[in-house]
Amino acid sequence: MTTNDTRGRVDPRRVVQGYYDALDADDIDAVLAAFSGDVLYRRPGYDRIVGLEALRRYYASDRKLAPGRHVVRSMLVDGNEVAAHGQWEGELREGGRRSVGFAAFFTIDGNGRIASHTTYFHVPAV
């Protein structure tokens, strides 16, 4: 998967879509490869997550969502900042299907990795 545009520059839109594609494929190694080593990940209801090992632990055991599908409805890019809005559809780890809206905000570093990520869901702490 390339995250560069036709001129070889990092395309923040492709970085974010690649992250969602890896997440939906339940490919945690590819998910983590989308992030910088000192990533700051924020999600209401959880402590701040800093660094790849903490993020790996979150995806391996703390995340309440089982693999599902992110449908990105819109993405706005301003320089290295990306705002995405859409719907997540899938299973919860404790069982049951859900469909919830989300808004997510990303900062992409100069190497085409996600340096910070904040997600808000339209339900409490998922």
N, C-alpha and C. Protein backbone atom coordinates (compact mmCIF):
# COMPACT_ATOMS: atom_id res chain seq x y z
N MET A 1 0.84 -1.17 0.00
CA MET A 1 0.00 0.00 0.00
C MET A 1 0.89 1.24 0.00
N THR A 2 0.63 2.13 -0.94
CA THR A 2 1.39 3.37 -0.99
C THR A 2 0.60 4.49 -0.32
N THR A 3 1.30 5.33 0.39
CA THR A 3 0.64 6.47 1.03
C THR A 3 1.10 7.77 0.38
N ASN A 4 1.72 7.67 -0.79
CA ASN A 4 2.20 8.85 -1.51
C ASN A 4 1.26 9.20 -2.65
N ASP A 5 1.26 10.49 -3.03
CA ASP A 5 0.47 10.90 -4.18
C ASP A 5 1.30 10.68 -5.45
N THR A 6 0.79 11.12 -6.57
CA THR A 6 1.47 10.86 -7.84
C THR A 6 2.79 11.60 -7.97
N ARG A 7 3.04 12.59 -7.13
CA ARG A 7 4.31 13.33 -7.15
C ARG A 7 5.28 12.81 -6.10
N GLY A 8 4.92 11.72 -5.42
CA GLY A 8 5.81 11.13 -4.42
C GLY A 8 5.70 11.74 -3.04
N ARG A 9 4.81 12.70 -2.86
CA ARG A 9 4.61 13.31 -1.54
C ARG A 9 3.64 12.47 -0.72
N VAL A 10 3.78 12.55 0.60
CA VAL A 10 2.86 11.83 1.49
C VAL A 10 1.46 12.42 1.31
N ASP A 11 0.50 11.54 1.11
CA ASP A 11 -0.90 11.94 0.98
C ASP A 11 -1.60 11.60 2.29
N PRO A 12 -1.87 12.58 3.15
CA PRO A 12 -2.49 12.30 4.45
C PRO A 12 -3.80 11.52 4.33
N ARG A 13 -4.55 11.75 3.29
CA ARG A 13 -5.81 11.03 3.08
C ARG A 13 -5.55 9.53 2.92
N ARG A 14 -4.52 9.18 2.17
CA ARG A 14 -4.17 7.76 1.98
C ARG A 14 -3.63 7.14 3.26
N VAL A 15 -2.89 7.92 4.05
CA VAL A 15 -2.39 7.41 5.34
C VAL A 15 -3.57 7.01 6.22
N VAL A 16 -4.54 7.88 6.35
CA VAL A 16 -5.69 7.63 7.22
C VAL A 16 -6.53 6.48 6.67
N GLN A 17 -6.80 6.47 5.37
CA GLN A 17 -7.58 5.38 4.80
C GLN A 17 -6.85 4.05 4.95
N GLY A 18 -5.52 4.06 4.81
CA GLY A 18 -4.73 2.84 5.01
C GLY A 18 -4.84 2.31 6.43
N TYR A 19 -4.86 3.23 7.39
CA TYR A 19 -5.05 2.84 8.79
C TYR A 19 -6.40 2.13 8.97
N TYR A 20 -7.47 2.73 8.44
CA TYR A 20 -8.79 2.11 8.58
C TYR A 20 -8.86 0.77 7.85
N ASP A 21 -8.24 0.68 6.67
CA ASP A 21 -8.22 -0.58 5.93
C ASP A 21 -7.53 -1.68 6.73
N ALA A 22 -6.38 -1.35 7.35
CA ALA A 22 -5.65 -2.33 8.17
C ALA A 22 -6.46 -2.72 9.40
N LEU A 23 -7.10 -1.75 10.02
CA LEU A 23 -7.92 -2.02 11.19
C LEU A 23 -9.08 -2.95 10.83
N ASP A 24 -9.74 -2.68 9.73
CA ASP A 24 -10.86 -3.51 9.29
C ASP A 24 -10.41 -4.92 8.89
N ALA A 25 -9.17 -5.06 8.45
CA ALA A 25 -8.63 -6.37 8.09
C ALA A 25 -8.12 -7.11 9.32
N ASP A 26 -8.20 -6.46 10.50
CA ASP A 26 -7.70 -7.02 11.76
C ASP A 26 -6.21 -7.35 11.66
N ASP A 27 -5.47 -6.49 10.96
CA ASP A 27 -4.02 -6.65 10.77
C ASP A 27 -3.31 -5.67 11.70
N ILE A 28 -3.13 -6.08 12.94
CA ILE A 28 -2.58 -5.19 13.97
C ILE A 28 -1.17 -4.71 13.62
N ASP A 29 -0.36 -5.56 13.01
CA ASP A 29 0.98 -5.11 12.61
C ASP A 29 0.90 -3.97 11.60
N ALA A 30 0.00 -4.08 10.63
CA ALA A 30 -0.19 -3.00 9.65
C ALA A 30 -0.78 -1.76 10.31
N VAL A 31 -1.68 -1.95 11.28
CA VAL A 31 -2.24 -0.82 12.02
C VAL A 31 -1.10 -0.08 12.71
N LEU A 32 -0.27 -0.80 13.43
CA LEU A 32 0.82 -0.17 14.17
C LEU A 32 1.83 0.48 13.24
N ALA A 33 2.04 -0.09 12.06
CA ALA A 33 2.97 0.49 11.08
C ALA A 33 2.50 1.85 10.58
N ALA A 34 1.21 2.14 10.73
CA ALA A 34 0.67 3.43 10.31
C ALA A 34 1.04 4.56 11.28
N PHE A 35 1.51 4.20 12.49
CA PHE A 35 1.76 5.18 13.54
C PHE A 35 3.26 5.44 13.73
N SER A 36 3.58 6.65 14.17
CA SER A 36 4.95 6.96 14.57
C SER A 36 5.25 6.27 15.90
N GLY A 37 6.51 6.10 16.20
CA GLY A 37 6.91 5.38 17.42
C GLY A 37 6.47 6.05 18.70
N ASP A 38 6.31 7.36 18.68
CA ASP A 38 5.91 8.08 19.90
C ASP A 38 4.48 8.62 19.78
N VAL A 39 3.65 7.89 19.07
CA VAL A 39 2.27 8.31 18.83
C VAL A 39 1.54 8.68 20.13
N LEU A 40 0.68 9.66 20.03
CA LEU A 40 -0.24 10.02 21.10
C LEU A 40 -1.63 9.68 20.61
N TYR A 41 -2.31 8.77 21.32
CA TYR A 41 -3.63 8.27 20.91
C TYR A 41 -4.60 8.60 22.04
N ARG A 42 -5.65 9.34 21.69
CA ARG A 42 -6.64 9.74 22.70
C ARG A 42 -8.01 9.24 22.29
N ARG A 43 -8.72 8.74 23.31
CA ARG A 43 -10.07 8.21 23.10
C ARG A 43 -10.82 8.41 24.41
N PRO A 44 -11.91 9.16 24.41
CA PRO A 44 -12.65 9.38 25.66
C PRO A 44 -13.00 8.05 26.34
N GLY A 45 -12.85 8.04 27.66
CA GLY A 45 -13.12 6.84 28.44
C GLY A 45 -11.87 6.01 28.71
N TYR A 46 -10.75 6.37 28.11
CA TYR A 46 -9.48 5.66 28.29
C TYR A 46 -8.40 6.66 28.69
N ASP A 47 -7.38 6.18 29.36
CA ASP A 47 -6.20 7.02 29.60
C ASP A 47 -5.52 7.29 28.26
N ARG A 48 -4.75 8.38 28.21
CA ARG A 48 -3.97 8.66 27.00
C ARG A 48 -3.05 7.48 26.72
N ILE A 49 -2.90 7.14 25.47
CA ILE A 49 -2.01 6.06 25.06
C ILE A 49 -0.83 6.70 24.35
N VAL A 50 0.38 6.40 24.82
CA VAL A 50 1.58 6.99 24.24
C VAL A 50 2.54 5.88 23.83
N GLY A 51 2.94 5.87 22.58
CA GLY A 51 3.92 4.91 22.09
C GLY A 51 3.29 3.65 21.51
N LEU A 52 4.07 2.96 20.68
CA LEU A 52 3.58 1.79 19.96
C LEU A 52 3.26 0.60 20.86
N GLU A 53 4.06 0.36 21.89
CA GLU A 53 3.79 -0.79 22.76
C GLU A 53 2.48 -0.61 23.53
N ALA A 54 2.25 0.60 24.01
CA ALA A 54 0.98 0.88 24.70
C ALA A 54 -0.19 0.76 23.72
N LEU A 55 0.02 1.20 22.48
CA LEU A 55 -1.04 1.09 21.48
C LEU A 55 -1.30 -0.37 21.11
N ARG A 56 -0.25 -1.18 21.05
CA ARG A 56 -0.42 -2.62 20.79
C ARG A 56 -1.26 -3.26 21.90
N ARG A 57 -0.95 -2.91 23.17
CA ARG A 57 -1.73 -3.45 24.29
C ARG A 57 -3.19 -3.04 24.19
N TYR A 58 -3.42 -1.79 23.81
CA TYR A 58 -4.79 -1.31 23.67
C TYR A 58 -5.54 -2.16 22.63
N TYR A 59 -4.96 -2.31 21.46
CA TYR A 59 -5.64 -3.07 20.40
C TYR A 59 -5.76 -4.55 20.75
N ALA A 60 -4.80 -5.10 21.49
CA ALA A 60 -4.83 -6.53 21.82
C ALA A 60 -5.82 -6.85 22.94
N SER A 61 -6.02 -5.93 23.89
CA SER A 61 -6.84 -6.32 25.04
C SER A 61 -7.84 -5.27 25.53
N ASP A 62 -7.58 -4.00 25.36
CA ASP A 62 -8.45 -2.98 25.95
C ASP A 62 -9.57 -2.50 25.04
N ARG A 63 -9.39 -2.57 23.76
CA ARG A 63 -10.38 -2.05 22.81
C ARG A 63 -11.67 -2.85 22.91
N LYS A 64 -12.79 -2.16 23.06
CA LYS A 64 -14.08 -2.82 23.23
C LYS A 64 -14.68 -3.31 21.92
N LEU A 65 -14.16 -2.80 20.81
CA LEU A 65 -14.67 -3.18 19.51
C LEU A 65 -13.93 -4.39 18.96
N ALA A 66 -14.66 -5.37 18.49
CA ALA A 66 -14.06 -6.48 17.76
C ALA A 66 -13.88 -5.98 16.32
N PRO A 67 -13.20 -6.75 15.49
CA PRO A 67 -13.05 -6.30 14.11
C PRO A 67 -14.41 -5.99 13.48
N GLY A 68 -14.43 -4.95 12.70
CA GLY A 68 -15.64 -4.51 12.04
C GLY A 68 -15.27 -3.76 10.77
N ARG A 69 -16.10 -2.80 10.43
CA ARG A 69 -15.89 -2.06 9.18
C ARG A 69 -16.11 -0.58 9.43
N HIS A 70 -15.13 0.22 9.04
CA HIS A 70 -15.24 1.68 9.11
C HIS A 70 -15.67 2.18 7.74
N VAL A 71 -16.78 2.88 7.70
CA VAL A 71 -17.24 3.51 6.47
C VAL A 71 -16.96 5.00 6.62
N VAL A 72 -15.93 5.48 5.95
CA VAL A 72 -15.57 6.89 6.04
C VAL A 72 -16.45 7.66 5.08
N ARG A 73 -17.25 8.56 5.64
CA ARG A 73 -18.19 9.34 4.83
C ARG A 73 -17.56 10.62 4.29
N SER A 74 -16.65 11.20 5.09
CA SER A 74 -15.96 12.40 4.62
C SER A 74 -14.60 12.50 5.30
N MET A 75 -13.68 13.12 4.59
CA MET A 75 -12.34 13.35 5.12
C MET A 75 -11.91 14.75 4.67
N LEU A 76 -11.50 15.55 5.63
CA LEU A 76 -11.01 16.89 5.34
C LEU A 76 -9.53 16.94 5.67
N VAL A 77 -8.74 17.51 4.77
CA VAL A 77 -7.30 17.58 4.95
C VAL A 77 -6.88 19.04 4.93
N ASP A 78 -6.08 19.42 5.91
CA ASP A 78 -5.49 20.75 5.97
C ASP A 78 -4.02 20.56 6.31
N GLY A 79 -3.16 20.59 5.31
CA GLY A 79 -1.74 20.33 5.53
C GLY A 79 -1.54 18.92 6.02
N ASN A 80 -1.00 18.77 7.23
CA ASN A 80 -0.76 17.44 7.80
C ASN A 80 -1.84 17.03 8.80
N GLU A 81 -2.95 17.77 8.84
CA GLU A 81 -4.06 17.47 9.73
C GLU A 81 -5.20 16.85 8.92
N VAL A 82 -5.82 15.81 9.47
CA VAL A 82 -6.94 15.14 8.80
C VAL A 82 -8.09 14.98 9.79
N ALA A 83 -9.28 15.29 9.34
CA ALA A 83 -10.50 15.02 10.11
C ALA A 83 -11.32 14.03 9.29
N ALA A 84 -11.74 12.95 9.92
CA ALA A 84 -12.55 11.93 9.25
C ALA A 84 -13.85 11.74 10.01
N HIS A 85 -14.90 11.49 9.27
CA HIS A 85 -16.22 11.28 9.87
C HIS A 85 -16.86 10.09 9.18
N GLY A 86 -17.49 9.21 9.95
CA GLY A 86 -18.11 8.07 9.33
C GLY A 86 -18.88 7.21 10.30
N GLN A 87 -18.98 5.94 9.95
CA GLN A 87 -19.76 4.97 10.71
C GLN A 87 -18.92 3.71 10.89
N TRP A 88 -18.92 3.18 12.11
CA TRP A 88 -18.30 1.87 12.36
C TRP A 88 -19.42 0.87 12.54
N GLU A 89 -19.27 -0.29 11.88
CA GLU A 89 -20.26 -1.36 11.97
C GLU A 89 -19.53 -2.65 12.30
N GLY A 90 -20.00 -3.35 13.32
CA GLY A 90 -19.36 -4.61 13.66
C GLY A 90 -19.81 -5.14 15.00
N GLU A 91 -18.96 -6.01 15.55
CA GLU A 91 -19.26 -6.69 16.81
C GLU A 91 -18.51 -6.01 17.96
N LEU A 92 -19.09 -6.08 19.14
CA LEU A 92 -18.38 -5.69 20.35
C LEU A 92 -17.70 -6.93 20.92
N ARG A 93 -16.60 -6.77 21.61
CA ARG A 93 -15.91 -7.93 22.20
C ARG A 93 -16.80 -8.70 23.16
N GLU A 94 -17.66 -8.00 23.86
CA GLU A 94 -18.55 -8.66 24.83
C GLU A 94 -19.78 -9.24 24.16
N GLY A 95 -19.89 -9.08 22.85
CA GLY A 95 -21.01 -9.63 22.10
C GLY A 95 -21.99 -8.56 21.66
N GLY A 96 -22.71 -8.85 20.63
CA GLY A 96 -23.70 -7.93 20.10
C GLY A 96 -23.15 -7.09 18.97
N ARG A 97 -23.99 -6.83 17.99
CA ARG A 97 -23.63 -5.98 16.86
C ARG A 97 -23.93 -4.53 17.19
N ARG A 98 -23.11 -3.64 16.63
CA ARG A 98 -23.32 -2.20 16.81
C ARG A 98 -23.03 -1.48 15.51
N SER A 99 -23.62 -0.35 15.39
CA SER A 99 -23.31 0.60 14.33
C SER A 99 -23.27 1.96 15.00
N VAL A 100 -22.12 2.60 15.00
CA VAL A 100 -21.96 3.88 15.68
C VAL A 100 -21.21 4.86 14.80
N GLY A 101 -21.63 6.11 14.88
CA GLY A 101 -20.92 7.16 14.17
C GLY A 101 -19.65 7.54 14.90
N PHE A 102 -18.67 8.05 14.15
CA PHE A 102 -17.42 8.50 14.76
C PHE A 102 -16.90 9.74 14.06
N ALA A 103 -16.10 10.48 14.79
CA ALA A 103 -15.32 11.58 14.24
C ALA A 103 -13.91 11.37 14.75
N ALA A 104 -12.93 11.48 13.86
CA ALA A 104 -11.55 11.21 14.24
C ALA A 104 -10.65 12.31 13.67
N PHE A 105 -9.61 12.60 14.42
CA PHE A 105 -8.68 13.66 14.06
C PHE A 105 -7.27 13.11 14.11
N PHE A 106 -6.49 13.40 13.08
CA PHE A 106 -5.16 12.84 12.92
C PHE A 106 -4.16 13.95 12.61
N THR A 107 -2.93 13.78 13.09
CA THR A 107 -1.80 14.58 12.66
C THR A 107 -0.81 13.61 12.03
N ILE A 108 -0.37 13.91 10.81
CA ILE A 108 0.56 13.05 10.09
C ILE A 108 1.95 13.68 10.15
N ASP A 109 2.96 12.88 10.51
CA ASP A 109 4.32 13.41 10.58
C ASP A 109 4.97 13.45 9.19
N GLY A 110 6.19 13.96 9.12
CA GLY A 110 6.91 14.09 7.86
C GLY A 110 7.27 12.77 7.20
N ASN A 111 7.19 11.68 7.95
CA ASN A 111 7.49 10.36 7.40
C ASN A 111 6.23 9.62 6.95
N GLY A 112 5.09 10.30 6.98
CA GLY A 112 3.84 9.67 6.55
C GLY A 112 3.25 8.74 7.58
N ARG A 113 3.57 8.97 8.84
CA ARG A 113 3.02 8.16 9.94
C ARG A 113 2.09 9.03 10.78
N ILE A 114 1.14 8.38 11.43
CA ILE A 114 0.20 9.09 12.30
C ILE A 114 0.92 9.41 13.61
N ALA A 115 1.07 10.71 13.90
CA ALA A 115 1.74 11.14 15.12
C ALA A 115 0.76 11.33 16.27
N SER A 116 -0.47 11.71 15.95
CA SER A 116 -1.50 11.80 16.98
C SER A 116 -2.84 11.43 16.36
N HIS A 117 -3.68 10.87 17.22
CA HIS A 117 -5.00 10.39 16.77
C HIS A 117 -5.96 10.53 17.94
N THR A 118 -7.09 11.17 17.67
CA THR A 118 -8.16 11.30 18.66
C THR A 118 -9.45 10.88 18.00
N THR A 119 -10.19 9.99 18.65
CA THR A 119 -11.46 9.52 18.11
C THR A 119 -12.58 9.79 19.10
N TYR A 120 -13.71 10.23 18.57
CA TYR A 120 -14.93 10.42 19.35
C TYR A 120 -16.02 9.57 18.72
N PHE A 121 -16.75 8.84 19.54
CA PHE A 121 -17.88 8.05 19.07
C PHE A 121 -19.17 8.70 19.54
N HIS A 122 -20.25 8.38 18.86
CA HIS A 122 -21.55 8.93 19.20
C HIS A 122 -22.24 8.12 20.30
N VAL A 123 -21.43 7.39 21.06
CA VAL A 123 -21.89 6.64 22.25
C VAL A 123 -20.77 6.73 23.28
N PRO A 124 -21.03 6.51 24.54
CA PRO A 124 -19.99 6.62 25.56
C PRO A 124 -18.92 5.53 25.45
N ALA A 125 -17.68 5.91 25.47
CA ALA A 125 -16.49 5.04 25.72
C ALA A 125 -16.53 3.67 25.05
N VAL A 126 -16.56 3.64 23.72
CA VAL A 126 -16.43 2.34 23.03
C VAL A 126 -15.03 2.20 22.50
